[in-house]
C-alpha atoms as a PDB file:
ATOM      1  CA  MET A   1       9.095  20.665  39.286  1.00  0.00           C
ATOM      2  CA  GLN A   2       6.405  18.011  38.833  1.00  0.00           C
ATOM      3  CA  LYS A   3       7.182  14.744  40.568  1.00  0.00           C
ATOM      4  CA  ILE A   4       7.227  11.750  38.205  1.00  0.00           C
ATOM      5  CA  LYS A   5       4.951   9.013  39.460  1.00  0.00           C
ATOM      6  CA  GLN A   6       5.526   5.271  39.119  1.00  0.00           C
ATOM      7  CA  PRO A   7       6.393   4.268  35.513  1.00  0.00           C
ATOM      8  CA  VAL A   8       3.425   3.032  33.494  1.00  0.00           C
ATOM      9  CA  LYS A   9       3.483   0.414  30.733  1.00  0.00           C
ATOM     10  CA  ILE A  10       0.656   0.005  28.239  1.00  0.00           C
ATOM     11  CA  ILE A  11       0.481  -2.682  25.538  1.00  0.00           C
ATOM     12  CA  VAL A  12      -0.869  -1.768  22.102  1.00  0.00           C
ATOM     13  CA  MET A  13      -2.408  -4.597  20.067  1.00  0.00           C
ATOM     14  CA  GLY A  14      -4.336  -5.122  16.840  1.00  0.00           C
ATOM     15  CA  PRO A  15      -4.051  -6.508  13.314  1.00  0.00           C
ATOM     16  CA  THR A  16      -1.314  -5.472  10.912  1.00  0.00           C
ATOM     17  CA  GLY A  17      -2.218  -2.106   9.411  1.00  0.00           C
ATOM     18  CA  ALA A  18      -4.523  -1.096  12.273  1.00  0.00           C
ATOM     19  CA  GLY A  19      -2.286   1.845  13.151  1.00  0.00           C
ATOM     20  CA  LYS A  20      -0.574   0.543  16.300  1.00  0.00           C
ATOM     21  CA  THR A  21       2.850   2.011  15.573  1.00  0.00           C
ATOM     22  CA  SER A  22       1.374   5.261  14.262  1.00  0.00           C
ATOM     23  CA  PHE A  23      -0.638   5.662  17.479  1.00  0.00           C
ATOM     24  CA  ILE A  24       2.481   5.082  19.584  1.00  0.00           C
ATOM     25  CA  ASN A  25       4.581   7.529  17.560  1.00  0.00           C
ATOM     26  CA  LEU A  26       1.852  10.158  17.693  1.00  0.00           C
ATOM     27  CA  ALA A  27       1.214   9.821  21.424  1.00  0.00           C
ATOM     28  CA  GLY A  28       4.808   9.826  22.602  1.00  0.00           C
ATOM     29  CA  GLY A  29       6.781  11.437  19.813  1.00  0.00           C
ATOM     30  CA  ALA A  30       8.556   8.152  19.119  1.00  0.00           C
ATOM     31  CA  GLN A  31      10.011   7.216  15.755  1.00  0.00           C
ATOM     32  CA  LEU A  32       9.245   3.517  15.493  1.00  0.00           C
ATOM     33  CA  GLN A  33       9.148   2.275  11.911  1.00  0.00           C
ATOM     34  CA  THR A  34       5.603   2.016  10.572  1.00  0.00           C
ATOM     35  CA  SER A  35       4.288  -0.558   8.116  1.00  0.00           C
ATOM     36  CA  ALA A  36       3.291   0.275   4.563  1.00  0.00           C
ATOM     37  CA  GLY A  37      -0.158  -1.103   3.785  1.00  0.00           C
ATOM     38  CA  LEU A  38      -0.716  -4.637   5.022  1.00  0.00           C
ATOM     39  CA  GLU A  39       2.960  -5.601   5.171  1.00  0.00           C
ATOM     40  CA  SER A  40       4.200  -5.739   8.744  1.00  0.00           C
ATOM     41  CA  CYS A  41       7.500  -4.229   9.765  1.00  0.00           C
ATOM     42  CA  THR A  42       7.091  -5.063  13.453  1.00  0.00           C
ATOM     43  CA  GLY A  43       7.502  -8.829  13.781  1.00  0.00           C
ATOM     44  CA  LYS A  44       8.795  -8.259  17.299  1.00  0.00           C
ATOM     45  CA  ILE A  45       8.055  -6.368  20.493  1.00  0.00           C
ATOM     46  CA  GLN A  46       9.051  -2.699  20.342  1.00  0.00           C
ATOM     47  CA  VAL A  47       9.012  -0.572  23.495  1.00  0.00           C
ATOM     48  CA  ALA A  48       8.885   3.122  22.665  1.00  0.00           C
ATOM     49  CA  PRO A  49      10.948   5.587  24.714  1.00  0.00           C
ATOM     50  CA  PRO A  50       8.963   6.757  27.758  1.00  0.00           C
ATOM     51  CA  PHE A  51       7.272  10.144  27.732  1.00  0.00           C
ATOM     52  CA  SER A  52       5.650  12.210  30.451  1.00  0.00           C
ATOM     53  CA  LEU A  53       1.870  12.512  30.721  1.00  0.00           C
ATOM     54  CA  ASP A  54       0.256  14.133  33.764  1.00  0.00           C
ATOM     55  CA  GLY A  55       3.258  13.221  35.884  1.00  0.00           C
ATOM     56  CA  TYR A  56       3.389   9.603  34.705  1.00  0.00           C
ATOM     57  CA  SER A  57       6.326   8.170  32.782  1.00  0.00           C
ATOM     58  CA  VAL A  58       4.490   6.255  30.058  1.00  0.00           C
ATOM     59  CA  SER A  59       5.992   3.468  27.941  1.00  0.00           C
ATOM     60  CA  LEU A  60       3.899   2.149  25.052  1.00  0.00           C
ATOM     61  CA  VAL A  61       4.589  -1.390  23.843  1.00  0.00           C
ATOM     62  CA  ASP A  62       4.132  -2.182  20.141  1.00  0.00           C
ATOM     63  CA  THR A  63       3.190  -5.799  19.378  1.00  0.00           C
ATOM     64  CA  PRO A  64       2.982  -7.776  16.120  1.00  0.00           C
ATOM     65  CA  GLY A  65      -0.479  -8.865  15.025  1.00  0.00           C
ATOM     66  CA  PHE A  66      -1.773 -12.376  14.389  1.00  0.00           C
ATOM     67  CA  ASP A  67      -1.574 -11.740  10.666  1.00  0.00           C
ATOM     68  CA  ASP A  68       2.054 -10.704  10.618  1.00  0.00           C
ATOM     69  CA  THR A  69       3.650 -11.102   7.196  1.00  0.00           C
ATOM     70  CA  THR A  70       7.000 -12.186   8.637  1.00  0.00           C
ATOM     71  CA  LYS A  71       5.962 -14.479  11.509  1.00  0.00           C
ATOM     72  CA  SER A  72       3.469 -17.318  11.976  1.00  0.00           C
ATOM     73  CA  ASP A  73       0.720 -17.090  14.599  1.00  0.00           C
ATOM     74  CA  ALA A  74       2.597 -19.565  16.813  1.00  0.00           C
ATOM     75  CA  GLN A  75       5.697 -17.386  16.639  1.00  0.00           C
ATOM     76  CA  ILE A  76       3.641 -14.307  17.534  1.00  0.00           C
ATOM     77  CA  LEU A  77       2.177 -16.099  20.560  1.00  0.00           C
ATOM     78  CA  SER A  78       5.698 -17.081  21.619  1.00  0.00           C
ATOM     79  CA  ILE A  79       7.073 -13.547  21.139  1.00  0.00           C
ATOM     80  CA  VAL A  80       4.278 -11.871  23.103  1.00  0.00           C
ATOM     81  CA  SER A  81       4.248 -14.468  25.895  1.00  0.00           C
ATOM     82  CA  GLU A  82       8.038 -14.282  26.338  1.00  0.00           C
ATOM     83  CA  TYR A  83       7.850 -10.514  26.684  1.00  0.00           C
ATOM     84  CA  ILE A  84       5.021 -10.375  29.215  1.00  0.00           C
ATOM     85  CA  LEU A  85       6.591 -13.196  31.251  1.00  0.00           C
ATOM     86  CA  SER A  86       9.923 -11.365  31.379  1.00  0.00           C
ATOM     87  CA  GLU A  87       8.069  -8.253  32.547  1.00  0.00           C
ATOM     88  CA  TYR A  88       6.344 -10.307  35.257  1.00  0.00           C
ATOM     89  CA  ASP A  89       9.738 -11.569  36.456  1.00  0.00           C
ATOM     90  CA  LYS A  90      10.913  -7.945  36.705  1.00  0.00           C
ATOM     91  CA  GLY A  91       7.902  -7.124  38.859  1.00  0.00           C
ATOM     92  CA  ASN A  92       6.229  -5.095  36.121  1.00  0.00           C
ATOM     93  CA  ARG A  93       2.484  -5.161  35.549  1.00  0.00           C
ATOM     94  CA  PHE A  94       0.480  -3.357  32.874  1.00  0.00           C
ATOM     95  CA  SER A  95      -1.810  -0.418  33.519  1.00  0.00           C
ATOM     96  CA  GLY A  96      -3.519  -0.831  30.179  1.00  0.00           C
ATOM     97  CA  VAL A  97      -3.888  -2.961  27.078  1.00  0.00           C
ATOM     98  CA  ILE A  98      -5.139  -1.160  23.970  1.00  0.00           C
ATOM     99  CA  PHE A  99      -6.776  -2.936  21.027  1.00  0.00           C
ATOM    100  CA  LEU A 100      -6.933  -0.865  17.844  1.00  0.00           C
ATOM    101  CA  HIS A 101      -9.694  -1.446  15.299  1.00  0.00           C
ATOM    102  CA  ARG A 102     -10.197   0.321  11.963  1.00  0.00           C
ATOM    103  CA  ILE A 103     -13.734   1.711  11.809  1.00  0.00           C
ATOM    104  CA  SER A 104     -13.097   2.039   8.073  1.00  0.00           C
ATOM    105  CA  ASP A 105     -13.357  -1.757   7.689  1.00  0.00           C
ATOM    106  CA  ASN A 106     -16.788  -2.522   6.232  1.00  0.00           C
ATOM    107  CA  ARG A 107     -16.804  -5.882   8.016  1.00  0.00           C
ATOM    108  CA  VAL A 108     -14.986  -7.522  10.900  1.00  0.00           C
ATOM    109  CA  GLY A 109     -13.129 -10.341   9.189  1.00  0.00           C
ATOM    110  CA  GLY A 110     -11.473 -13.443  10.574  1.00  0.00           C
ATOM    111  CA  THR A 111      -8.126 -11.706  11.012  1.00  0.00           C
ATOM    112  CA  ALA A 112      -9.555  -8.901  13.149  1.00  0.00           C
ATOM    113  CA  LEU A 113     -11.591 -11.359  15.219  1.00  0.00           C
ATOM    114  CA  ARG A 114      -8.556 -13.603  15.742  1.00  0.00           C
ATOM    115  CA  ASN A 115      -6.543 -10.648  16.988  1.00  0.00           C
ATOM    116  CA  PHE A 116      -9.395  -9.490  19.224  1.00  0.00           C
ATOM    117  CA  ARG A 117      -9.811 -12.961  20.744  1.00  0.00           C
ATOM    118  CA  PHE A 118      -6.120 -12.935  21.630  1.00  0.00           C
ATOM    119  CA  PHE A 119      -6.569  -9.523  23.266  1.00  0.00           C
ATOM    120  CA  CYS A 120      -9.296 -11.043  25.464  1.00  0.00           C
ATOM    121  CA  GLN A 121      -7.309 -14.243  26.150  1.00  0.00           C
ATOM    122  CA  LEU A 122      -4.212 -12.236  27.026  1.00  0.00           C
ATOM    123  CA  CYS A 123      -6.073 -10.023  29.504  1.00  0.00           C
ATOM    124  CA  GLY A 124      -8.641 -12.394  31.000  1.00  0.00           C
ATOM    125  CA  LYS A 125     -11.679 -11.139  32.901  1.00  0.00           C
ATOM    126  CA  ASP A 126      -9.621  -9.854  35.845  1.00  0.00           C
ATOM    127  CA  ALA A 127      -7.486  -7.551  33.670  1.00  0.00           C
ATOM    128  CA  LEU A 128     -10.091  -6.521  31.078  1.00  0.00           C
ATOM    129  CA  PRO A 129     -11.060  -3.480  33.211  1.00  0.00           C
ATOM    130  CA  ASN A 130      -7.628  -2.173  32.165  1.00  0.00           C
ATOM    131  CA  GLY A 131      -8.482  -2.858  28.515  1.00  0.00           C
ATOM    132  CA  ALA A 132      -9.295  -0.188  25.945  1.00  0.00           C
ATOM    133  CA  ILE A 133     -10.858  -0.849  22.549  1.00  0.00           C
ATOM    134  CA  VAL A 134      -9.902   2.082  20.344  1.00  0.00           C
ATOM    135  CA  THR A 135     -11.526   2.656  16.963  1.00  0.00           C
ATOM    136  CA  ASN A 136      -9.563   4.784  14.522  1.00  0.00           C
ATOM    137  CA  MET A 137      -9.562   5.953  10.880  1.00  0.00           C
ATOM    138  CA  TRP A 138     -12.827   7.836  11.374  1.00  0.00           C
ATOM    139  CA  GLY A 139     -11.787  10.268   8.677  1.00  0.00           C
ATOM    140  CA  GLU A 140     -12.248   7.544   6.060  1.00  0.00           C
ATOM    141  CA  VAL A 141     -15.992   7.066   6.697  1.00  0.00           C
ATOM    142  CA  SER A 142     -18.995   9.304   7.166  1.00  0.00           C
ATOM    143  CA  GLU A 143     -20.217   9.890  10.712  1.00  0.00           C
ATOM    144  CA  GLU A 144     -23.417   7.978   9.919  1.00  0.00           C
ATOM    145  CA  VAL A 145     -21.616   4.896   8.594  1.00  0.00           C
ATOM    146  CA  GLY A 146     -19.035   4.955  11.381  1.00  0.00           C
ATOM    147  CA  ARG A 147     -21.674   5.274  14.091  1.00  0.00           C
ATOM    148  CA  ALA A 148     -23.663   2.349  12.652  1.00  0.00           C
ATOM    149  CA  ARG A 149     -20.555   0.157  12.634  1.00  0.00           C
ATOM    150  CA  GLU A 150     -19.657   1.271  16.146  1.00  0.00           C
ATOM    151  CA  GLU A 151     -23.118   0.340  17.440  1.00  0.00           C
ATOM    152  CA  GLU A 152     -22.867  -3.103  15.858  1.00  0.00           C
ATOM    153  CA  LEU A 153     -19.451  -3.687  17.444  1.00  0.00           C
ATOM    154  CA  VAL A 154     -20.757  -2.653  20.857  1.00  0.00           C
ATOM    155  CA  GLN A 155     -24.030  -4.580  20.765  1.00  0.00           C
ATOM    156  CA  LYS A 156     -23.093  -7.955  19.254  1.00  0.00           C
ATOM    157  CA  ASP A 157     -21.705 -10.820  21.329  1.00  0.00           C
ATOM    158  CA  VAL A 158     -19.533 -11.984  18.426  1.00  0.00           C
ATOM    159  CA  PHE A 159     -17.695  -8.647  18.493  1.00  0.00           C
ATOM    160  CA  PHE A 160     -16.800  -6.366  21.412  1.00  0.00           C
ATOM    161  CA  LYS A 161     -19.806  -6.689  23.744  1.00  0.00           C
ATOM    162  CA  PRO A 162     -18.408  -9.460  26.030  1.00  0.00           C
ATOM    163  CA  ALA A 163     -15.183  -7.521  26.628  1.00  0.00           C
ATOM    164  CA  LEU A 164     -17.091  -4.312  27.325  1.00  0.00           C
ATOM    165  CA  ASP A 165     -19.403  -6.174  29.710  1.00  0.00           C
ATOM    166  CA  ALA A 166     -16.269  -7.420  31.524  1.00  0.00           C
ATOM    167  CA  GLY A 167     -15.101  -3.855  32.109  1.00  0.00           C
ATOM    168  CA  ALA A 168     -13.128  -2.862  29.018  1.00  0.00           C
ATOM    169  CA  LYS A 169     -13.749   0.660  27.728  1.00  0.00           C
ATOM    170  CA  MET A 170     -14.240   1.882  24.171  1.00  0.00           C
ATOM    171  CA  PHE A 171     -12.873   5.088  22.682  1.00  0.00           C
ATOM    172  CA  ARG A 172     -12.700   6.898  19.366  1.00  0.00           C
ATOM    173  CA  HIS A 173      -9.287   8.103  18.201  1.00  0.00           C
ATOM    174  CA  ASP A 174      -9.304  11.221  16.035  1.00  0.00           C
ATOM    175  CA  ASN A 175      -5.652  10.918  14.962  1.00  0.00           C
ATOM    176  CA  THR A 176      -4.468  13.878  17.022  1.00  0.00           C
ATOM    177  CA  VAL A 177      -1.911  14.028  19.823  1.00  0.00           C
ATOM    178  CA  GLU A 178      -4.566  15.448  22.126  1.00  0.00           C
ATOM    179  CA  GLY A 179      -6.941  12.617  21.245  1.00  0.00           C
ATOM    180  CA  ALA A 180      -4.300   9.966  21.924  1.00  0.00           C
ATOM    181  CA  HIS A 181      -3.437  11.568  25.265  1.00  0.00           C
ATOM    182  CA  ALA A 182      -7.117  11.739  26.230  1.00  0.00           C
ATOM    183  CA  ILE A 183      -7.354   7.966  25.734  1.00  0.00           C
ATOM    184  CA  LEU A 184      -4.149   7.297  27.658  1.00  0.00           C
ATOM    185  CA  ARG A 185      -5.346   9.465  30.560  1.00  0.00           C
ATOM    186  CA  GLN A 186      -8.124   6.913  31.079  1.00  0.00           C
ATOM    187  CA  LEU A 187      -5.480   4.199  31.565  1.00  0.00           C
ATOM    188  CA  VAL A 188      -2.404   5.635  33.278  1.00  0.00           C
ATOM    189  CA  ALA A 189      -4.022   5.862  36.712  1.00  0.00           C
ATOM    190  CA  ASN A 190      -5.306   2.269  36.584  1.00  0.00           C
ATOM    191  CA  ARG A 191      -4.095  -0.222  39.160  1.00  0.00           C
ATOM    192  CA  PRO A 192      -1.559  -2.373  37.274  1.00  0.00           C
ATOM    193  CA  ARG A 193      -2.936  -5.890  36.899  1.00  0.00           C
ATOM    194  CA  THR A 194      -1.558  -9.350  36.204  1.00  0.00           C
ATOM    195  CA  LEU A 195      -2.624 -10.536  32.752  1.00  0.00           C
ATOM    196  CA  LEU A 196      -4.329 -13.907  32.393  1.00  0.00           C
ATOM    197  CA  LEU A 197      -1.504 -15.326  30.268  1.00  0.00           C
ATOM    198  CA  GLN A 198       1.018 -14.323  32.950  1.00  0.00           C
ATOM    199  CA  LYS A 199      -1.141 -15.855  35.660  1.00  0.00           C
ATOM    200  CA  GLU A 200      -1.677 -19.116  33.768  1.00  0.00           C
ATOM    201  CA  ILE A 201       1.989 -19.767  33.019  1.00  0.00           C
ATOM    202  CA  ILE A 202       3.699 -18.404  36.137  1.00  0.00           C
ATOM    203  CA  GLU A 203       1.163 -18.590  38.948  1.00  0.00           C
ATOM    204  CA  GLU A 204      -0.767 -21.674  37.770  1.00  0.00           C
ATOM    205  CA  ASN A 205       2.316 -23.383  36.309  1.00  0.00           C
ATOM    206  CA  LYS A 206       0.655 -24.136  32.969  1.00  0.00           C
ATOM    207  CA  HIS A 207       2.459 -24.884  29.731  1.00  0.00           C
ATOM    208  CA  ILE A 208       1.741 -22.400  26.921  1.00  0.00           C
ATOM    209  CA  SER A 209      -0.307 -25.104  25.165  1.00  0.00           C
ATOM    210  CA  GLU A 210      -2.622 -25.275  28.192  1.00  0.00           C
ATOM    211  CA  THR A 211      -3.391 -21.565  28.354  1.00  0.00           C
ATOM    212  CA  ALA A 212      -6.567 -20.058  26.932  1.00  0.00           C
ATOM    213  CA  ALA A 213      -4.577 -18.455  24.112  1.00  0.00           C
ATOM    214  CA  GLY A 214      -2.609 -21.630  23.381  1.00  0.00           C
ATOM    215  CA  ILE A 215      -5.666 -23.883  23.327  1.00  0.00           C
ATOM    216  CA  ALA A 216      -7.543 -21.514  21.006  1.00  0.00           C
ATOM    217  CA  LEU A 217      -4.626 -21.265  18.584  1.00  0.00           C
ATOM    218  CA  LEU A 218      -4.116 -25.042  18.566  1.00  0.00           C
ATOM    219  CA  GLY A 219      -7.788 -25.465  17.727  1.00  0.00           C
ATOM    220  CA  GLU A 220      -7.582 -22.975  14.872  1.00  0.00           C
ATOM    221  CA  LEU A 221      -4.445 -24.656  13.510  1.00  0.00           C
ATOM    222  CA  ALA A 222      -6.080 -28.087  13.672  1.00  0.00           C
ATOM    223  CA  LEU A 223      -9.101 -26.730  11.803  1.00  0.00           C
ATOM    224  CA  ALA A 224      -6.809 -25.178   9.195  1.00  0.00           C
ATOM    225  CA  GLU A 225      -4.954 -28.469   8.765  1.00  0.00           C
ATOM    226  CA  GLN A 226      -8.248 -30.303   8.267  1.00  0.00           C
ATOM    227  CA  LYS A 227      -9.323 -27.710   5.677  1.00  0.00           C
ATOM    228  CA  PHE A 228      -6.013 -28.078   3.821  1.00  0.00           C
ATOM    229  CA  ARG A 229      -6.475 -31.859   3.628  1.00  0.00           C
ATOM    230  CA  GLU A 230      -9.971 -31.446   2.191  1.00  0.00           C
ATOM    231  CA  GLN A 231      -8.711 -28.940  -0.367  1.00  0.00           C
ATOM    232  CA  MET A 232      -5.857 -31.277  -1.281  1.00  0.00           C
ATOM    233  CA  ARG A 233      -8.257 -34.138  -2.016  1.00  0.00           C
ATOM    234  CA  GLU A 234     -10.225 -31.926  -4.405  1.00  0.00           C
ATOM    235  CA  LEU A 235      -7.058 -30.595  -5.995  1.00  0.00           C
ATOM    236  CA  LEU A 236      -5.673 -34.075  -6.656  1.00  0.00           C
ATOM    237  CA  LYS A 237      -8.921 -34.978  -8.416  1.00  0.00           C
ATOM    238  CA  GLU A 238      -8.580 -31.902 -10.630  1.00  0.00           C
ATOM    239  CA  ILE A 239      -4.966 -32.824 -11.423  1.00  0.00           C
ATOM    240  CA  ASP A 240      -6.000 -36.345 -12.443  1.00  0.00           C
ATOM    241  CA  GLU A 241      -8.698 -34.891 -14.707  1.00  0.00           C
ATOM    242  CA  ALA A 242      -6.222 -32.474 -16.308  1.00  0.00           C
ATOM    243  CA  ILE A 243      -3.805 -35.344 -16.983  1.00  0.00           C
ATOM    244  CA  ALA A 244      -6.578 -37.488 -18.471  1.00  0.00           C
ATOM    245  CA  GLN A 245      -7.590 -34.640 -20.800  1.00  0.00           C
ATOM    246  CA  ASN A 246      -3.982 -33.738 -21.725  1.00  0.00           C
ATOM    247  CA  GLU A 247      -4.429 -30.214 -20.343  1.00  0.00           C
ATOM    248  CA  GLU A 248      -0.730 -29.599 -19.673  1.00  0.00           C
ATOM    249  CA  GLU A 249      -0.945 -25.890 -18.853  1.00  0.00           C
ATOM    250  CA  GLU A 250      -3.817 -26.422 -16.434  1.00  0.00           C
ATOM    251  CA  ARG A 251      -1.957 -29.342 -14.853  1.00  0.00           C
ATOM    252  CA  ARG A 252       1.098 -27.138 -14.213  1.00  0.00           C
ATOM    253  CA  GLU A 253      -1.055 -24.478 -12.565  1.00  0.00           C
ATOM    254  CA  LEU A 254      -2.754 -27.093 -10.391  1.00  0.00           C
ATOM    255  CA  GLU A 255       0.615 -28.578  -9.418  1.00  0.00           C
ATOM    256  CA  GLU A 256       1.767 -25.132  -8.327  1.00  0.00           C
ATOM    257  CA  ASN A 257      -1.390 -24.797  -6.220  1.00  0.00           C
ATOM    258  CA  ARG A 258      -0.681 -28.217  -4.737  1.00  0.00           C
ATOM    259  CA  ARG A 259       2.821 -27.158  -3.685  1.00  0.00           C
ATOM    260  CA  ARG A 260       1.462 -24.000  -2.046  1.00  0.00           C
ATOM    261  CA  LEU A 261      -1.186 -26.000  -0.219  1.00  0.00           C
ATOM    262  CA  GLU A 262       1.389 -28.529   0.987  1.00  0.00           C
ATOM    263  CA  ALA A 263       3.536 -25.681   2.324  1.00  0.00           C
ATOM    264  CA  GLN A 264       0.554 -24.202   4.186  1.00  0.00           C
ATOM    265  CA  GLU A 265      -0.333 -27.567   5.693  1.00  0.00           C
ATOM    266  CA  GLU A 266       3.265 -28.102   6.802  1.00  0.00           C
ATOM    267  CA  GLN A 267       3.291 -24.646   8.389  1.00  0.00           C
ATOM    268  CA  ALA A 268       0.120 -25.469  10.345  1.00  0.00           C
ATOM    269  CA  LYS A 269       1.720 -28.700  11.581  1.00  0.00           C
ATOM    270  CA  ALA A 270       4.954 -26.889  12.455  1.00  0.00           C
ATOM    271  CA  ASP A 271       3.014 -24.253  14.392  1.00  0.00           C
ATOM    272  CA  GLN A 272       1.212 -26.942  16.385  1.00  0.00           C
ATOM    273  CA  ARG A 273       4.540 -28.594  17.223  1.00  0.00           C
ATOM    274  CA  MET A 274       6.014 -25.229  18.188  1.00  0.00           C
ATOM    275  CA  ILE A 275       3.254 -24.640  20.730  1.00  0.00           C
ATOM    276  CA  LEU A 276       3.140 -28.190  22.093  1.00  0.00           C
ATOM    277  CA  GLU A 277       6.934 -28.460  22.362  1.00  0.00           C
ATOM    278  CA  ALA A 278       7.622 -24.916  23.557  1.00  0.00           C
ATOM    279  CA  PRO A 279      10.256 -24.500  26.307  1.00  0.00           C
ATOM    280  CA  GLY A 280       9.007 -24.538  29.853  1.00  0.00           C
ATOM    281  CA  ARG A 281       7.280 -27.088  31.991  1.00  0.00           C
ATOM    282  CA  LYS A 282       6.177 -30.058  29.885  1.00  0.00           C
ATOM    283  CA  ALA A 283       2.483 -29.948  29.114  1.00  0.00           C
ATOM    284  CA  ARG A 284       0.410 -32.321  31.191  1.00  0.00           C
ATOM    285  CA  GLY A 285      -1.823 -34.779  29.421  1.00  0.00           C
ATOM    286  CA  LEU A 286      -0.978 -33.931  25.818  1.00  0.00           C
ATOM    287  CA  LYS A 287      -3.085 -36.900  24.708  1.00  0.00           C
ATOM    288  CA  LYS A 288      -6.051 -35.405  26.571  1.00  0.00           C
ATOM    289  CA  LEU A 289      -5.374 -32.013  24.982  1.00  0.00           C
ATOM    290  CA  ARG A 290      -5.181 -33.460  21.471  1.00  0.00           C
ATOM    291  CA  ASN A 291      -8.387 -35.446  22.059  1.00  0.00           C
ATOM    292  CA  TRP A 292     -10.116 -32.259  23.200  1.00  0.00           C
ATOM    293  CA  ILE A 293      -8.997 -30.467  20.035  1.00  0.00           C
ATOM    294  CA  VAL A 294     -10.441 -33.305  17.925  1.00  0.00           C
ATOM    295  CA  SER A 295     -13.751 -32.909  19.784  1.00  0.00           C
ATOM    296  CA  TRP A 296     -13.526 -29.136  19.336  1.00  0.00           C
ATOM    297  CA  ILE A 297     -13.264 -29.620  15.571  1.00  0.00           C
ATOM    298  CA  ALA A 298     -16.120 -32.144  15.528  1.00  0.00           C
ATOM    299  CA  ASN A 299     -18.321 -29.560  17.246  1.00  0.00           C
ATOM    300  CA  GLY A 300     -17.525 -26.909  14.680  1.00  0.00           C
ATOM    301  CA  GLY A 301     -14.928 -25.167  16.814  1.00  0.00           C
ATOM    302  CA  CYS A 302     -17.513 -23.801  19.214  1.00  0.00           C
ATOM    303  CA  MET A 303     -16.973 -25.687  22.477  1.00  0.00           C
ATOM    304  CA  SER A 304     -16.827 -23.241  25.346  1.00  0.00           C
ATOM    305  CA  ARG A 305     -15.113 -25.374  27.972  1.00  0.00           C
ATOM    306  CA  SER A 306     -11.395 -25.897  28.290  1.00  0.00           C
ATOM    307  CA  PRO A 307      -9.921 -29.424  28.521  1.00  0.00           C
END
């Protein structure tokens, strides 16, 4: 009888619709509910039942993406951070963190990049050697097109190159059980590592708003809020023009757009409050943090240093 080695936990990340749950179900024979199209059915952490692989008891952890249709980005950050912190308290570390990317996407959009940045911010440079970037859906593109996209992802600093340079590995998934197991075999024997987000909050006693992931999300939310205000100014001008020209139908459509925009702006504000006022040790120097975010926006959101 083969002796079962120490249990292994591996996180699976990526945008909604990237195939996270399908990968987990395929690899371990689980029956987690999968999403249809771009509508998420995760919205929470799901830990699949463990399965045996080369003597390891492997548990795969399904996570919601930063484009979840049922949760805001701030809620996703809270959900993921609460889970990994509870695992830290139990003495559990992760042998791998998988990021799934659809090679069928003809461009890497803002959603995919936002999710990938969180993957990097979650791991940090010390844990990225346990990271795996897995491209899937190869059956939807020709080998030539897929290879060209793969090369671009590997070679460009705006995509996967920095993570690969830090020790993360890249794999193709062919949508077979054997292929999934081949990828997992590259991770199960890894030395379990503390993730950066765990280290920042527990070992460095930082508030979630002071972590790399928290700061980045606050900056993105502040930029979004600024964009909403600019759009609102233009929209109000259009409404005034429609009123002046007695265009009642157009005015009603513009008013509906205004209400949607107001709701989006309020959500961005609520998300900022959720991060800044999250439970835990009170954030130090919130005024300094807010001032840094203002500077971050003024510099086009491209400052590299933390506050």
